[in-house]
Amino acid sequence: QVQLTESGGGLVQAGGSLNLSCTASGSVFFFSAMSWHRQAPGKQRELVALITPSRSTNYADSVKGRFTISRDNAKKMVHLEMNILQPEDAAGYYCKLTTPRNEDYWGRGTQVTVSS
């Protein structure tokens, strides 16, 4: 069974930076796509960034140039470096693992708050 645990959320001023991390259990991590999603109150959950097993990446237009996703296979971790944070980036951030069989596993999330 896959378990995902996020960390690194918190309160930051607009223009600041945060680094989120997600730690996975299970060997399926090596073959799985990893992604970060976010959900603000009253809004739908949206994809922020994705990284494939071969380290190809994809980003939401709203975060391109500001956020960077990376993975550390040795530690079974995925990171999201977030720079130039804006109040509209405030949300719960969730890590997702998608297996080669398209099974999805979610973490419980970590909260990001951005003060203006």
C-alpha atoms as a PDB file:
ATOM      1  CA  GLN A   1       0.000   0.000   0.000  1.00  0.00           C
ATOM      2  CA  VAL A   2       1.282   3.432  -0.944  1.00  0.00           C
ATOM      3  CA  GLN A   3       1.385   6.186   1.639  1.00  0.00           C
ATOM      4  CA  LEU A   4       2.287   9.792   0.905  1.00  0.00           C
ATOM      5  CA  THR A   5       3.241  12.369   3.511  1.00  0.00           C
ATOM      6  CA  GLU A   6       3.607  16.065   2.672  1.00  0.00           C
ATOM      7  CA  SER A   7       5.613  18.603   4.616  1.00  0.00           C
ATOM      8  CA  GLY A   8       6.929  22.133   4.285  1.00  0.00           C
ATOM      9  CA  GLY A   9       3.787  24.212   4.227  1.00  0.00           C
ATOM     10  CA  GLY A  10       3.409  27.348   6.283  1.00  0.00           C
ATOM     11  CA  LEU A  11       2.924  31.090   6.285  1.00  0.00           C
ATOM     12  CA  VAL A  12       4.977  33.287   3.988  1.00  0.00           C
ATOM     13  CA  GLN A  13       4.814  36.876   2.844  1.00  0.00           C
ATOM     14  CA  ALA A  14       4.002  37.679  -0.755  1.00  0.00           C
ATOM     15  CA  GLY A  15       7.148  37.440  -2.824  1.00  0.00           C
ATOM     16  CA  GLY A  16       8.637  34.825  -0.545  1.00  0.00           C
ATOM     17  CA  SER A  17       9.477  31.163  -1.048  1.00  0.00           C
ATOM     18  CA  LEU A  18       8.540  27.777   0.346  1.00  0.00           C
ATOM     19  CA  ASN A  19       9.728  24.266  -0.364  1.00  0.00           C
ATOM     20  CA  LEU A  20       7.248  21.432  -0.116  1.00  0.00           C
ATOM     21  CA  SER A  21       8.253  17.799   0.164  1.00  0.00           C
ATOM     22  CA  CYS A  22       6.373  14.558  -0.217  1.00  0.00           C
ATOM     23  CA  THR A  23       7.704  11.234   1.019  1.00  0.00           C
ATOM     24  CA  ALA A  24       6.340   8.013  -0.454  1.00  0.00           C
ATOM     25  CA  SER A  25       6.339   4.453   0.753  1.00  0.00           C
ATOM     26  CA  GLY A  26       6.578   1.440  -1.540  1.00  0.00           C
ATOM     27  CA  SER A  27       8.759   0.552  -4.501  1.00  0.00           C
ATOM     28  CA  VAL A  28       6.107   1.593  -7.016  1.00  0.00           C
ATOM     29  CA  PHE A  29       7.400   5.146  -6.568  1.00  0.00           C
ATOM     30  CA  PHE A  30      10.220   4.493  -9.048  1.00  0.00           C
ATOM     31  CA  PHE A  31       7.775   3.753 -11.871  1.00  0.00           C
ATOM     32  CA  SER A  32       5.149   6.343 -11.006  1.00  0.00           C
ATOM     33  CA  ALA A  33       4.359   9.871 -12.039  1.00  0.00           C
ATOM     34  CA  MET A  34       4.323  12.291  -9.137  1.00  0.00           C
ATOM     35  CA  SER A  35       2.349  15.499  -9.045  1.00  0.00           C
ATOM     36  CA  TRP A  36       1.384  18.379  -6.822  1.00  0.00           C
ATOM     37  CA  HIS A  37      -2.141  19.723  -6.761  1.00  0.00           C
ATOM     38  CA  ARG A  38      -3.720  22.522  -4.809  1.00  0.00           C
ATOM     39  CA  GLN A  39      -7.173  23.421  -3.629  1.00  0.00           C
ATOM     40  CA  ALA A  40      -8.257  26.774  -2.278  1.00  0.00           C
ATOM     41  CA  PRO A  41     -11.519  27.191  -0.320  1.00  0.00           C
ATOM     42  CA  GLY A  42     -14.490  27.128  -2.657  1.00  0.00           C
ATOM     43  CA  LYS A  43     -12.406  26.110  -5.641  1.00  0.00           C
ATOM     44  CA  GLN A  44     -11.731  22.863  -7.437  1.00  0.00           C
ATOM     45  CA  ARG A  45      -8.493  21.008  -6.930  1.00  0.00           C
ATOM     46  CA  GLU A  46      -6.060  21.847  -9.715  1.00  0.00           C
ATOM     47  CA  LEU A  47      -2.831  20.403 -11.034  1.00  0.00           C
ATOM     48  CA  VAL A  48       0.197  22.529 -10.173  1.00  0.00           C
ATOM     49  CA  ALA A  49       3.119  20.450 -11.433  1.00  0.00           C
ATOM     50  CA  LEU A  50       3.901  16.926 -12.556  1.00  0.00           C
ATOM     51  CA  ILE A  51       7.068  14.897 -12.988  1.00  0.00           C
ATOM     52  CA  THR A  52       7.273  11.566 -14.774  1.00  0.00           C
ATOM     53  CA  PRO A  53       9.557   8.629 -13.914  1.00  0.00           C
ATOM     54  CA  SER A  54      11.925   9.905 -16.632  1.00  0.00           C
ATOM     55  CA  ARG A  55      11.830  13.380 -15.032  1.00  0.00           C
ATOM     56  CA  SER A  56       9.815  15.114 -17.717  1.00  0.00           C
ATOM     57  CA  THR A  57       7.895  17.960 -16.127  1.00  0.00           C
ATOM     58  CA  ASN A  58       4.708  19.879 -16.737  1.00  0.00           C
ATOM     59  CA  TYR A  59       3.399  22.988 -14.981  1.00  0.00           C
ATOM     60  CA  ALA A  60       0.207  24.948 -14.706  1.00  0.00           C
ATOM     61  CA  ASP A  61       0.530  28.219 -16.611  1.00  0.00           C
ATOM     62  CA  SER A  62      -0.015  30.166 -13.401  1.00  0.00           C
ATOM     63  CA  VAL A  63       3.171  28.791 -11.805  1.00  0.00           C
ATOM     64  CA  LYS A  64       5.527  28.475 -14.766  1.00  0.00           C
ATOM     65  CA  GLY A  65       8.809  30.194 -14.058  1.00  0.00           C
ATOM     66  CA  ARG A  66       8.091  30.366 -10.323  1.00  0.00           C
ATOM     67  CA  PHE A  67       7.677  26.740  -9.219  1.00  0.00           C
ATOM     68  CA  THR A  68      10.010  23.798  -9.787  1.00  0.00           C
ATOM     69  CA  ILE A  69       9.161  20.149  -9.239  1.00  0.00           C
ATOM     70  CA  SER A  70      11.867  17.553  -8.707  1.00  0.00           C
ATOM     71  CA  ARG A  71      12.170  13.988  -7.499  1.00  0.00           C
ATOM     72  CA  ASP A  72      14.742  12.080  -5.481  1.00  0.00           C
ATOM     73  CA  ASN A  73      14.310   8.399  -6.271  1.00  0.00           C
ATOM     74  CA  ALA A  74      16.885   7.304  -3.705  1.00  0.00           C
ATOM     75  CA  LYS A  75      14.807   8.873  -0.932  1.00  0.00           C
ATOM     76  CA  LYS A  76      11.419   8.310  -2.600  1.00  0.00           C
ATOM     77  CA  MET A  77      10.645  11.971  -2.345  1.00  0.00           C
ATOM     78  CA  VAL A  78       9.234  14.665  -4.588  1.00  0.00           C
ATOM     79  CA  HIS A  79       9.789  18.345  -3.965  1.00  0.00           C
ATOM     80  CA  LEU A  80       8.066  21.520  -5.016  1.00  0.00           C
ATOM     81  CA  GLU A  81      10.149  24.665  -4.840  1.00  0.00           C
ATOM     82  CA  MET A  82       7.846  27.675  -4.837  1.00  0.00           C
ATOM     83  CA  ASN A  83       9.204  31.157  -5.433  1.00  0.00           C
ATOM     84  CA  ILE A  84       7.656  34.615  -5.754  1.00  0.00           C
ATOM     85  CA  LEU A  85       4.572  33.383  -3.940  1.00  0.00           C
ATOM     86  CA  GLN A  86       1.415  35.406  -4.330  1.00  0.00           C
ATOM     87  CA  PRO A  87      -1.801  35.460  -2.282  1.00  0.00           C
ATOM     88  CA  GLU A  88      -3.521  33.501  -5.053  1.00  0.00           C
ATOM     89  CA  ASP A  89      -1.068  30.637  -4.431  1.00  0.00           C
ATOM     90  CA  ALA A  90      -2.527  30.103  -0.970  1.00  0.00           C
ATOM     91  CA  ALA A  91      -4.199  26.703  -0.789  1.00  0.00           C
ATOM     92  CA  GLY A  92      -3.941  23.214   0.532  1.00  0.00           C
ATOM     93  CA  TYR A  93      -1.214  21.457  -1.461  1.00  0.00           C
ATOM     94  CA  TYR A  94      -1.547  17.746  -2.110  1.00  0.00           C
ATOM     95  CA  CYS A  95       0.919  15.205  -3.413  1.00  0.00           C
ATOM     96  CA  LYS A  96      -0.327  12.496  -5.768  1.00  0.00           C
ATOM     97  CA  LEU A  97       1.282   9.311  -7.034  1.00  0.00           C
ATOM     98  CA  THR A  98      -0.018   7.765 -10.247  1.00  0.00           C
ATOM     99  CA  THR A  99       1.082   4.209 -10.924  1.00  0.00           C
ATOM    100  CA  PRO A 100       1.736   2.770 -14.403  1.00  0.00           C
ATOM    101  CA  ARG A 101      -1.736   1.191 -14.066  1.00  0.00           C
ATOM    102  CA  ASN A 102      -3.224   4.659 -13.487  1.00  0.00           C
ATOM    103  CA  GLU A 103      -3.998   4.068  -9.845  1.00  0.00           C
ATOM    104  CA  ASP A 104      -3.926   7.309  -7.865  1.00  0.00           C
ATOM    105  CA  TYR A 105      -2.785   7.760  -4.303  1.00  0.00           C
ATOM    106  CA  TRP A 106      -3.079  11.051  -2.426  1.00  0.00           C
ATOM    107  CA  GLY A 107      -1.421  12.541   0.572  1.00  0.00           C
ATOM    108  CA  ARG A 108      -3.345  14.418   3.243  1.00  0.00           C
ATOM    109  CA  GLY A 109      -2.005  17.773   2.184  1.00  0.00           C
ATOM    110  CA  THR A 110      -0.085  20.670   3.632  1.00  0.00           C
ATOM    111  CA  GLN A 111      -1.364  24.210   3.961  1.00  0.00           C
ATOM    112  CA  VAL A 112       0.286  27.190   2.288  1.00  0.00           C
ATOM    113  CA  THR A 113      -0.734  30.660   3.428  1.00  0.00           C
ATOM    114  CA  VAL A 114       0.524  33.791   1.693  1.00  0.00           C
ATOM    115  CA  SER A 115       0.092  37.160   3.345  1.00  0.00           C
ATOM    116  CA  SER A 116      -0.123  40.282   1.218  1.00  0.00           C
END
